[in-house]
Amino acid sequence: ERQLHREDMANMFIMIAERFEHSAIFLHPNPGSMEEVLRLIDIIREKSGDKYFLMLHGDATFGIPSGGSMADFSYRIADDPDGLHREATAMVDSALARAEEFKKHGGLDGFALCADYCLNTGPFLSPSLFSEFVTPYLARLIQGYRDMGFYTIKHTDGNIMPILDQLVQANPHALHSLDPQAGVDIAEVKRLYGDRVCLIGNVNCGLMDTGTDEEVVESARYALKHGMPGGGYIFSTSNCIYTGMRLARYELMLDVWRKEGNY
């Protein structure tokens, strides 16, 4: 029964990737033990070869705290900075040790680093605090993954512009989501850093859920128009597709990509 469950998960990941012409599969194993993750990677590779870029969650840096821990985290910045630094170091150490296991096994291509740092109005931490409590650890995490041969995609929603220089400085291979709902303009990000980091996203996932067809098409076209020149752009929504969104909207976005998104 467990093997049937593994096969079903692998088949579903591959079926979705084939159906919507994806180039990558973001694995969400269930259960998430190391043994089960490795088995899932092996099954997908057996079924699809090297057709897809396989990635897992791999962040180990401080994101926006949950509502239940936000106040305590904020107090610790002032009252226990050394403790936060020790915790940040331990999180990166643990993530890199886990990655070593994946390196030894083989089959995994990279990690998506999905700690969210920003709200629509800007980063949760000021740029100076971000440079102390996040950037050094993000840079070490990414370099560790790079040294093992993994690709890294740094994701964060929100208005990243006040810390964009630090995100690029941390040296990920790619940056996602370039959140248009927070006012991030892919044209400006491309102008500033398009020669240093691959850009992913910027198609407005909010409009895909609540906007008009014309707005969806316009958002997709804008991302392609400003992301594609010179290469270094991967077409994508700015975040996950919302639960309950009409599938026709996703197809509409893909139609724009098929017609206008090829070099």
Protein backbone atom coordinates (compact mmCIF):
# COMPACT_ATOMS: atom_id res chain seq x y z
CA GLU A 1 0.00 0.00 0.00
CA ARG A 2 2.84 2.40 0.81
CA GLN A 3 4.45 1.70 -2.56
CA LEU A 4 1.15 2.35 -4.34
CA HIS A 5 0.94 5.68 -2.53
CA ARG A 6 4.46 6.58 -3.69
CA GLU A 7 3.63 5.61 -7.26
CA ASP A 8 0.42 7.66 -7.19
CA MET A 9 2.26 10.75 -5.96
CA ALA A 10 4.97 10.39 -8.59
CA ASN A 11 2.42 9.87 -11.36
CA MET A 12 0.46 12.93 -10.27
CA PHE A 13 3.54 15.17 -10.22
CA ILE A 14 4.52 14.00 -13.70
CA MET A 15 0.98 14.18 -15.10
CA ILE A 16 0.57 17.80 -13.97
CA ALA A 17 3.98 18.77 -15.35
CA GLU A 18 3.18 17.19 -18.71
CA ARG A 19 -0.35 18.61 -18.86
CA PHE A 20 0.78 22.20 -18.30
CA GLU A 21 4.19 22.00 -20.02
CA HIS A 22 6.16 22.68 -16.86
CA SER A 23 9.93 22.42 -16.86
CA ALA A 24 10.24 21.75 -13.12
CA ILE A 25 8.55 19.68 -10.43
CA PHE A 26 8.42 21.15 -6.93
CA LEU A 27 8.25 18.09 -4.71
CA HIS A 28 6.03 18.11 -1.63
CA PRO A 29 6.51 14.60 -0.24
CA ASN A 30 4.01 13.13 2.18
CA PRO A 31 5.31 11.86 4.54
CA GLY A 32 8.42 13.99 4.49
CA SER A 33 10.99 11.68 6.04
CA MET A 34 14.35 11.45 4.31
CA GLU A 35 13.66 7.86 3.27
CA GLU A 36 10.33 8.74 1.64
CA VAL A 37 11.73 11.82 -0.11
CA LEU A 38 14.56 9.81 -1.62
CA ARG A 39 12.15 7.10 -2.73
CA LEU A 40 9.92 9.68 -4.41
CA ILE A 41 12.88 11.26 -6.21
CA ASP A 42 13.95 7.84 -7.47
CA ILE A 43 10.47 6.91 -8.72
CA ILE A 44 10.04 10.20 -10.60
CA ARG A 45 13.48 9.83 -12.16
CA GLU A 46 12.71 6.25 -13.19
CA LYS A 47 9.51 7.38 -14.86
CA SER A 48 10.66 10.65 -16.45
CA GLY A 49 14.44 10.52 -16.65
CA ASP A 50 16.07 13.95 -16.66
CA LYS A 51 13.12 15.71 -18.28
CA TYR A 52 12.26 17.78 -15.20
CA PHE A 53 14.14 19.97 -12.79
CA LEU A 54 13.38 18.45 -9.37
CA MET A 55 13.47 20.70 -6.32
CA LEU A 56 12.52 20.75 -2.67
CA HIS A 57 11.98 23.38 -0.01
CA GLY A 58 15.36 24.34 1.37
CA ASP A 59 15.24 27.65 3.20
CA ALA A 60 16.83 28.00 6.61
CA THR A 61 16.65 31.75 7.26
CA PHE A 62 14.36 33.93 9.32
CA GLY A 63 11.21 34.92 7.43
CA ILE A 64 8.29 36.99 8.64
CA PRO A 65 7.32 35.46 12.01
CA SER A 66 3.86 34.04 12.52
CA GLY A 67 1.37 36.14 14.44
CA GLY A 68 1.92 34.00 17.50
CA SER A 69 5.68 34.57 17.59
CA MET A 70 6.04 38.00 15.99
CA ALA A 71 6.22 39.95 19.24
CA ASP A 72 8.71 37.56 20.85
CA PHE A 73 10.92 37.58 17.76
CA SER A 74 10.91 41.37 17.71
CA TYR A 75 11.86 41.54 21.40
CA ARG A 76 14.71 39.09 20.80
CA ILE A 77 16.24 41.38 18.18
CA ALA A 78 16.85 43.88 20.98
CA ASP A 79 17.18 41.61 24.00
CA ASP A 80 18.86 38.47 22.64
CA PRO A 81 20.66 39.20 19.37
CA ASP A 82 23.38 36.67 20.15
CA GLY A 83 20.75 33.99 20.66
CA LEU A 84 19.18 34.81 17.30
CA HIS A 85 22.58 34.56 15.62
CA ARG A 86 23.20 31.16 17.21
CA GLU A 87 19.76 30.01 16.05
CA ALA A 88 20.36 31.30 12.52
CA THR A 89 23.68 29.47 12.38
CA ALA A 90 22.13 26.25 13.62
CA MET A 91 19.35 26.42 11.03
CA VAL A 92 21.83 26.78 8.17
CA ASP A 93 24.03 24.01 9.57
CA SER A 94 21.04 21.65 9.71
CA ALA A 95 19.90 22.50 6.19
CA LEU A 96 23.35 21.93 4.71
CA ALA A 97 23.72 18.62 6.53
CA ARG A 98 20.36 17.54 5.06
CA ALA A 99 21.52 18.65 1.61
CA GLU A 100 24.61 16.47 1.93
CA GLU A 101 22.33 13.45 2.15
CA PHE A 102 20.60 14.46 -1.07
CA LYS A 103 23.95 15.03 -2.75
CA LYS A 104 25.14 11.55 -1.79
CA HIS A 105 21.95 9.97 -3.08
CA GLY A 106 21.64 11.94 -6.32
CA GLY A 107 18.58 12.81 -8.39
CA LEU A 108 17.72 16.19 -6.87
CA ASP A 109 18.56 19.35 -8.83
CA GLY A 110 18.04 22.15 -6.36
CA PHE A 111 16.18 23.97 -3.65
CA ALA A 112 13.53 26.66 -3.49
CA LEU A 113 14.20 28.97 -0.56
CA CYS A 114 10.72 30.09 0.42
CA ALA A 115 11.05 32.17 3.58
CA ASP A 116 8.99 35.31 2.95
CA TYR A 117 10.76 38.48 4.00
CA CYS A 118 8.43 41.20 2.81
CA LEU A 119 4.92 42.57 3.13
CA ASN A 120 3.28 44.59 0.38
CA THR A 121 4.64 47.73 2.02
CA GLY A 122 8.21 46.50 2.35
CA PRO A 123 10.43 44.11 4.30
CA PHE A 124 9.45 43.03 7.82
CA LEU A 125 13.00 43.79 8.98
CA SER A 126 14.60 47.10 8.10
CA PRO A 127 17.42 46.80 5.56
CA SER A 128 20.01 47.25 8.32
CA LEU A 129 18.48 44.52 10.51
CA PHE A 130 18.05 42.30 7.47
CA SER A 131 21.75 42.70 6.72
CA GLU A 132 22.55 41.51 10.23
CA PHE A 133 20.10 38.67 10.84
CA VAL A 134 19.34 37.29 7.37
CA THR A 135 21.73 38.19 4.56
CA PRO A 136 24.91 36.55 5.95
CA TYR A 137 23.05 33.32 6.64
CA LEU A 138 21.23 33.35 3.32
CA ALA A 139 24.54 33.86 1.54
CA ARG A 140 26.18 31.01 3.47
CA LEU A 141 23.23 28.71 2.79
CA ILE A 142 23.27 29.45 -0.94
CA GLN A 143 27.03 29.06 -1.20
CA GLY A 144 26.80 25.75 0.60
CA TYR A 145 24.17 24.51 -1.83
CA ARG A 146 26.21 25.77 -4.77
CA ASP A 147 29.32 23.99 -3.51
CA MET A 148 27.33 20.73 -3.54
CA GLY A 149 26.21 21.33 -7.12
CA PHE A 150 22.62 22.36 -6.38
CA TYR A 151 20.71 25.22 -7.97
CA THR A 152 18.95 27.72 -5.71
CA ILE A 153 15.81 29.77 -6.28
CA LYS A 154 15.17 32.47 -3.70
CA HIS A 155 11.45 33.17 -3.31
CA THR A 156 9.85 35.94 -1.33
CA ASP A 157 6.59 37.76 -1.82
CA GLY A 158 6.06 41.42 -1.05
CA ASN A 159 7.93 44.59 -1.86
CA ILE A 160 11.55 43.44 -2.06
CA MET A 161 12.96 46.66 -3.49
CA PRO A 162 14.51 47.99 -0.22
CA ILE A 163 16.49 44.73 0.17
CA LEU A 164 16.84 43.71 -3.49
CA ASP A 165 20.54 44.51 -3.47
CA GLN A 166 21.07 42.18 -0.50
CA LEU A 167 19.09 39.35 -2.10
CA VAL A 168 21.22 39.57 -5.23
CA GLN A 169 24.36 39.85 -3.10
CA ALA A 170 23.48 36.49 -1.51
CA ASN A 171 24.02 35.04 -5.01
CA PRO A 172 21.03 32.77 -5.72
CA HIS A 173 20.75 31.39 -9.22
CA ALA A 174 17.25 32.83 -9.56
CA LEU A 175 14.84 35.20 -7.82
CA HIS A 176 11.07 34.70 -7.54
CA SER A 177 8.24 36.08 -7.22
CA LEU A 178 8.82 39.72 -8.24
CA ASP A 179 5.43 40.42 -6.71
CA PRO A 180 3.41 42.91 -8.78
CA GLN A 181 0.75 43.09 -6.06
CA ALA A 182 3.43 44.75 -3.93
CA GLY A 183 4.47 47.11 -6.71
CA VAL A 184 7.58 45.20 -7.87
CA ASP A 185 8.18 46.07 -11.53
CA ILE A 186 10.02 43.36 -13.44
CA ALA A 187 11.27 45.95 -15.92
CA GLU A 188 13.09 47.79 -13.14
CA VAL A 189 14.48 44.61 -11.56
CA LYS A 190 15.67 43.46 -15.00
CA ARG A 191 17.35 46.82 -15.58
CA LEU A 192 19.13 46.70 -12.23
CA TYR A 193 20.14 43.05 -11.96
CA GLY A 194 19.10 41.15 -15.07
CA ASP A 195 22.74 40.41 -15.85
CA ARG A 196 23.41 38.91 -12.39
CA VAL A 197 20.43 36.73 -11.49
CA CYS A 198 17.76 34.81 -13.37
CA LEU A 199 14.28 36.27 -12.83
CA ILE A 200 11.15 34.16 -12.32
CA GLY A 201 7.53 35.22 -12.08
CA ASN A 202 5.75 38.58 -12.01
CA VAL A 203 2.49 37.35 -13.60
CA ASN A 204 -0.10 38.70 -11.18
CA CYS A 205 -1.68 35.71 -9.41
CA GLY A 206 -4.23 37.98 -7.75
CA LEU A 207 -5.55 39.16 -11.10
CA MET A 208 -5.64 35.57 -12.31
CA ASP A 209 -8.15 34.90 -9.56
CA THR A 210 -10.22 38.10 -9.47
CA GLY A 211 -9.28 40.17 -12.52
CA THR A 212 -10.70 40.21 -16.03
CA ASP A 213 -9.38 38.09 -18.87
CA GLU A 214 -7.89 41.23 -20.37
CA GLU A 215 -6.00 41.98 -17.16
CA VAL A 216 -4.59 38.45 -17.02
CA VAL A 217 -3.39 38.68 -20.62
CA GLU A 218 -1.88 42.12 -20.00
CA SER A 219 0.00 40.91 -16.92
CA ALA A 220 1.39 37.87 -18.74
CA ARG A 221 2.45 39.97 -21.70
CA TYR A 222 4.14 42.56 -19.46
CA ALA A 223 6.19 39.88 -17.71
CA LEU A 224 7.27 38.36 -21.02
CA LYS A 225 8.01 41.70 -22.64
CA HIS A 226 10.29 42.88 -19.88
CA GLY A 227 11.66 39.55 -18.63
CA MET A 228 12.66 37.91 -21.90
CA PRO A 229 15.13 40.34 -23.54
CA GLY A 230 18.65 38.99 -23.29
CA GLY A 231 17.51 35.73 -21.68
CA GLY A 232 17.61 35.00 -17.96
CA TYR A 233 13.87 34.84 -17.41
CA ILE A 234 11.56 31.95 -16.49
CA PHE A 235 7.86 32.53 -17.12
CA SER A 236 5.82 31.95 -13.98
CA THR A 237 3.08 33.29 -11.79
CA SER A 238 4.15 35.58 -8.98
CA ASN A 239 3.03 33.08 -6.37
CA CYS A 240 1.10 29.84 -6.09
CA ILE A 241 -2.13 29.42 -7.97
CA TYR A 242 -4.87 30.11 -5.47
CA THR A 243 -7.05 27.25 -4.34
CA GLY A 244 -10.34 27.41 -6.23
CA MET A 245 -9.06 29.54 -9.12
CA ARG A 246 -10.72 28.71 -12.41
CA LEU A 247 -8.43 26.48 -14.44
CA ALA A 248 -9.42 28.42 -17.56
CA ARG A 249 -7.47 31.37 -16.18
CA TYR A 250 -4.29 29.33 -15.97
CA GLU A 251 -4.87 28.10 -19.51
CA LEU A 252 -5.34 31.71 -20.62
CA MET A 253 -1.97 32.67 -19.16
CA LEU A 254 -0.32 29.67 -20.84
CA ASP A 255 -1.88 30.61 -24.18
CA VAL A 256 -0.11 33.97 -24.00
CA TRP A 257 3.16 32.21 -23.21
CA ARG A 258 2.77 29.72 -26.07
CA LYS A 259 2.10 32.48 -28.59
CA GLU A 260 4.49 35.16 -27.36
CA GLY A 261 6.97 33.55 -24.98
CA ASN A 262 9.39 31.79 -27.29
CA TYR A 263 12.67 33.23 -28.52
